Amino acid sequence: MEHSDDVPSVDVVLFRTSHGGRPVPTSGGDPVELTALSPPDEDVLRALLDASLQLTASADMPADVVRAIAATPVPELFQRSPWLYEHRVLMTTEGRCAVGSHVLRYGDGLGLLAEDVDALA
């Protein structure tokens, strides 16, 4: 998905991994089955939408990160929802997710931040 002025952007739903390794929306709720063949019910949809955001390339979010996420497949569950059919999954473990040469860090008070892996070494 591209912004009107050709700035790369992508819609994502943020997840954290549960203790069993299953995806849980960062907004809370129960683990979600991303390969489900039916649309999400109302409660699951609300949790997914509450955990969604649009990433747009900026000084704080490199364009290569946005493009890499946009190139990932849309999960089956999202394809069956008119609200989520263009969203991608962003799975965090302990608040972090590797995308290319960057680590995305998520915190309730911080939002989503991109850090260059080379800068962390």
C-alpha atoms as a PDB file:
ATOM      1  CA  MET A   1       0.000   0.000   0.000  1.00  0.00           C
ATOM      2  CA  GLU A   2       1.381   3.430  -0.899  1.00  0.00           C
ATOM      3  CA  HIS A   3       0.481   6.817   0.484  1.00  0.00           C
ATOM      4  CA  SER A   4      -0.847   9.306  -2.048  1.00  0.00           C
ATOM      5  CA  ASP A   5       2.561  11.015  -2.263  1.00  0.00           C
ATOM      6  CA  ASP A   6       4.374   7.691  -2.956  1.00  0.00           C
ATOM      7  CA  VAL A   7       5.598   7.299   0.619  1.00  0.00           C
ATOM      8  CA  PRO A   8       5.517   3.568   1.429  1.00  0.00           C
ATOM      9  CA  SER A   9       2.967   2.535   4.038  1.00  0.00           C
ATOM     10  CA  VAL A  10       1.402  -0.698   5.257  1.00  0.00           C
ATOM     11  CA  ASP A  11      -1.433  -1.605   7.616  1.00  0.00           C
ATOM     12  CA  VAL A  12      -0.416  -4.061  10.343  1.00  0.00           C
ATOM     13  CA  VAL A  13      -1.892  -5.800  13.346  1.00  0.00           C
ATOM     14  CA  LEU A  14       0.541  -6.014  16.250  1.00  0.00           C
ATOM     15  CA  PHE A  15       0.754  -9.326  18.101  1.00  0.00           C
ATOM     16  CA  ARG A  16       2.786 -10.685  20.960  1.00  0.00           C
ATOM     17  CA  THR A  17       3.512 -14.359  21.375  1.00  0.00           C
ATOM     18  CA  SER A  18       1.778 -16.090  24.253  1.00  0.00           C
ATOM     19  CA  HIS A  19       3.553 -18.554  26.529  1.00  0.00           C
ATOM     20  CA  GLY A  20       2.397 -21.309  24.176  1.00  0.00           C
ATOM     21  CA  GLY A  21       3.789 -19.435  21.178  1.00  0.00           C
ATOM     22  CA  ARG A  22       0.357 -18.484  19.829  1.00  0.00           C
ATOM     23  CA  PRO A  23      -0.352 -14.951  18.575  1.00  0.00           C
ATOM     24  CA  VAL A  24      -2.237 -12.603  20.917  1.00  0.00           C
ATOM     25  CA  PRO A  25      -3.208  -9.071  19.805  1.00  0.00           C
ATOM     26  CA  THR A  26      -1.263  -6.428  21.725  1.00  0.00           C
ATOM     27  CA  SER A  27      -4.628  -4.929  22.671  1.00  0.00           C
ATOM     28  CA  GLY A  28      -5.325  -8.092  24.699  1.00  0.00           C
ATOM     29  CA  GLY A  29      -7.715 -10.972  24.455  1.00  0.00           C
ATOM     30  CA  ASP A  30      -7.289 -14.609  23.582  1.00  0.00           C
ATOM     31  CA  PRO A  31      -4.812 -16.141  21.131  1.00  0.00           C
ATOM     32  CA  VAL A  32      -5.919 -15.840  17.499  1.00  0.00           C
ATOM     33  CA  GLU A  33      -5.890 -18.558  14.841  1.00  0.00           C
ATOM     34  CA  LEU A  34      -4.496 -16.698  11.817  1.00  0.00           C
ATOM     35  CA  THR A  35      -5.189 -19.614   9.453  1.00  0.00           C
ATOM     36  CA  ALA A  36      -8.919 -19.758  10.261  1.00  0.00           C
ATOM     37  CA  LEU A  37     -11.086 -20.192   7.185  1.00  0.00           C
ATOM     38  CA  SER A  38     -13.965 -18.094   8.494  1.00  0.00           C
ATOM     39  CA  PRO A  39     -14.117 -14.360   9.255  1.00  0.00           C
ATOM     40  CA  PRO A  40     -13.249 -13.283  12.799  1.00  0.00           C
ATOM     41  CA  ASP A  41     -16.170 -12.938  15.200  1.00  0.00           C
ATOM     42  CA  GLU A  42     -17.054  -9.506  16.578  1.00  0.00           C
ATOM     43  CA  ASP A  43     -14.905  -9.726  19.740  1.00  0.00           C
ATOM     44  CA  VAL A  44     -11.843 -10.977  17.866  1.00  0.00           C
ATOM     45  CA  LEU A  45     -12.305  -8.354  15.147  1.00  0.00           C
ATOM     46  CA  ARG A  46     -12.492  -5.601  17.771  1.00  0.00           C
ATOM     47  CA  ALA A  47      -9.268  -6.827  19.412  1.00  0.00           C
ATOM     48  CA  LEU A  48      -7.518  -7.007  16.032  1.00  0.00           C
ATOM     49  CA  LEU A  49      -8.627  -3.527  15.008  1.00  0.00           C
ATOM     50  CA  ASP A  50      -7.574  -2.151  18.402  1.00  0.00           C
ATOM     51  CA  ALA A  51      -4.097  -3.617  17.786  1.00  0.00           C
ATOM     52  CA  SER A  52      -3.820  -2.291  14.237  1.00  0.00           C
ATOM     53  CA  LEU A  53      -1.870   0.677  12.936  1.00  0.00           C
ATOM     54  CA  GLN A  54      -0.523   2.058   9.708  1.00  0.00           C
ATOM     55  CA  LEU A  55       3.252   2.178   9.350  1.00  0.00           C
ATOM     56  CA  THR A  56       4.448   4.945   7.061  1.00  0.00           C
ATOM     57  CA  ALA A  57       8.040   5.460   6.028  1.00  0.00           C
ATOM     58  CA  SER A  58       9.525   8.383   7.926  1.00  0.00           C
ATOM     59  CA  ALA A  59      12.683   9.435   9.719  1.00  0.00           C
ATOM     60  CA  ASP A  60      11.683   7.022  12.510  1.00  0.00           C
ATOM     61  CA  MET A  61      10.497   4.143  10.281  1.00  0.00           C
ATOM     62  CA  PRO A  62      12.803   3.262   7.366  1.00  0.00           C
ATOM     63  CA  ALA A  63      11.169   2.684   3.975  1.00  0.00           C
ATOM     64  CA  ASP A  64      12.903  -0.700   3.592  1.00  0.00           C
ATOM     65  CA  VAL A  65      11.210  -1.894   6.800  1.00  0.00           C
ATOM     66  CA  VAL A  66       7.781  -0.767   5.575  1.00  0.00           C
ATOM     67  CA  ARG A  67       8.340  -2.417   2.176  1.00  0.00           C
ATOM     68  CA  ALA A  68       9.558  -5.674   3.759  1.00  0.00           C
ATOM     69  CA  ILE A  69       6.439  -5.897   5.932  1.00  0.00           C
ATOM     70  CA  ALA A  70       4.189  -5.012   2.973  1.00  0.00           C
ATOM     71  CA  ALA A  71       5.757  -7.900   1.022  1.00  0.00           C
ATOM     72  CA  THR A  72       4.620 -10.470   3.594  1.00  0.00           C
ATOM     73  CA  PRO A  73       1.423 -12.427   2.925  1.00  0.00           C
ATOM     74  CA  VAL A  74      -1.948 -11.443   4.338  1.00  0.00           C
ATOM     75  CA  PRO A  75      -3.094 -14.228   6.712  1.00  0.00           C
ATOM     76  CA  GLU A  76      -6.156 -16.308   5.833  1.00  0.00           C
ATOM     77  CA  LEU A  77      -8.163 -14.858   8.731  1.00  0.00           C
ATOM     78  CA  PHE A  78      -7.557 -11.292   7.545  1.00  0.00           C
ATOM     79  CA  GLN A  79      -8.415 -12.129   3.924  1.00  0.00           C
ATOM     80  CA  ARG A  80     -11.921 -13.062   5.082  1.00  0.00           C
ATOM     81  CA  SER A  81     -12.604  -9.685   6.706  1.00  0.00           C
ATOM     82  CA  PRO A  82     -13.482  -6.499   4.813  1.00  0.00           C
ATOM     83  CA  TRP A  83     -11.798  -4.566   7.643  1.00  0.00           C
ATOM     84  CA  LEU A  84      -8.495  -6.471   7.596  1.00  0.00           C
ATOM     85  CA  TYR A  85      -8.000  -7.827   4.070  1.00  0.00           C
ATOM     86  CA  GLU A  86      -4.930  -5.628   3.428  1.00  0.00           C
ATOM     87  CA  HIS A  87      -3.361  -5.918   6.904  1.00  0.00           C
ATOM     88  CA  ARG A  88      -0.157  -7.798   7.635  1.00  0.00           C
ATOM     89  CA  VAL A  89       0.941  -9.456  10.863  1.00  0.00           C
ATOM     90  CA  LEU A  90       3.715  -8.006  12.970  1.00  0.00           C
ATOM     91  CA  MET A  91       4.624 -10.582  15.622  1.00  0.00           C
ATOM     92  CA  THR A  92       6.644  -9.430  18.617  1.00  0.00           C
ATOM     93  CA  THR A  93       8.417 -11.558  21.171  1.00  0.00           C
ATOM     94  CA  GLU A  94       9.167  -9.733  24.402  1.00  0.00           C
ATOM     95  CA  GLY A  95       8.266  -6.513  22.597  1.00  0.00           C
ATOM     96  CA  ARG A  96      10.715  -6.996  19.716  1.00  0.00           C
ATOM     97  CA  CYS A  97      10.552  -8.090  16.088  1.00  0.00           C
ATOM     98  CA  ALA A  98      13.378  -8.364  13.527  1.00  0.00           C
ATOM     99  CA  VAL A  99      12.691  -6.936  10.056  1.00  0.00           C
ATOM    100  CA  GLY A 100      15.667  -6.948   7.708  1.00  0.00           C
ATOM    101  CA  SER A 101      18.549  -5.075   9.300  1.00  0.00           C
ATOM    102  CA  HIS A 102      16.272  -3.480  11.890  1.00  0.00           C
ATOM    103  CA  VAL A 103      14.689  -4.461  15.158  1.00  0.00           C
ATOM    104  CA  LEU A 104      11.246  -3.061  15.822  1.00  0.00           C
ATOM    105  CA  ARG A 105      10.550  -2.430  19.479  1.00  0.00           C
ATOM    106  CA  TYR A 106       7.005  -2.092  20.813  1.00  0.00           C
ATOM    107  CA  GLY A 107       5.964  -0.694  24.163  1.00  0.00           C
ATOM    108  CA  ASP A 108       2.579   0.513  25.391  1.00  0.00           C
ATOM    109  CA  GLY A 109       3.930   3.968  26.191  1.00  0.00           C
ATOM    110  CA  LEU A 110       6.444   4.094  23.324  1.00  0.00           C
ATOM    111  CA  GLY A 111       4.545   2.793  20.336  1.00  0.00           C
ATOM    112  CA  LEU A 112       6.609   1.107  17.625  1.00  0.00           C
ATOM    113  CA  LEU A 113      10.232   2.151  17.131  1.00  0.00           C
ATOM    114  CA  ALA A 114      12.786   0.952  14.553  1.00  0.00           C
ATOM    115  CA  GLU A 115      16.389   0.446  15.593  1.00  0.00           C
ATOM    116  CA  ASP A 116      19.227  -0.338  13.188  1.00  0.00           C
ATOM    117  CA  VAL A 117      20.845  -3.647  14.196  1.00  0.00           C
ATOM    118  CA  ASP A 118      24.325  -2.311  13.363  1.00  0.00           C
ATOM    119  CA  ALA A 119      23.769   0.639  15.687  1.00  0.00           C
ATOM    120  CA  LEU A 120      22.897  -1.750  18.529  1.00  0.00           C
ATOM    121  CA  ALA A 121      26.176  -3.718  18.231  1.00  0.00           C
END
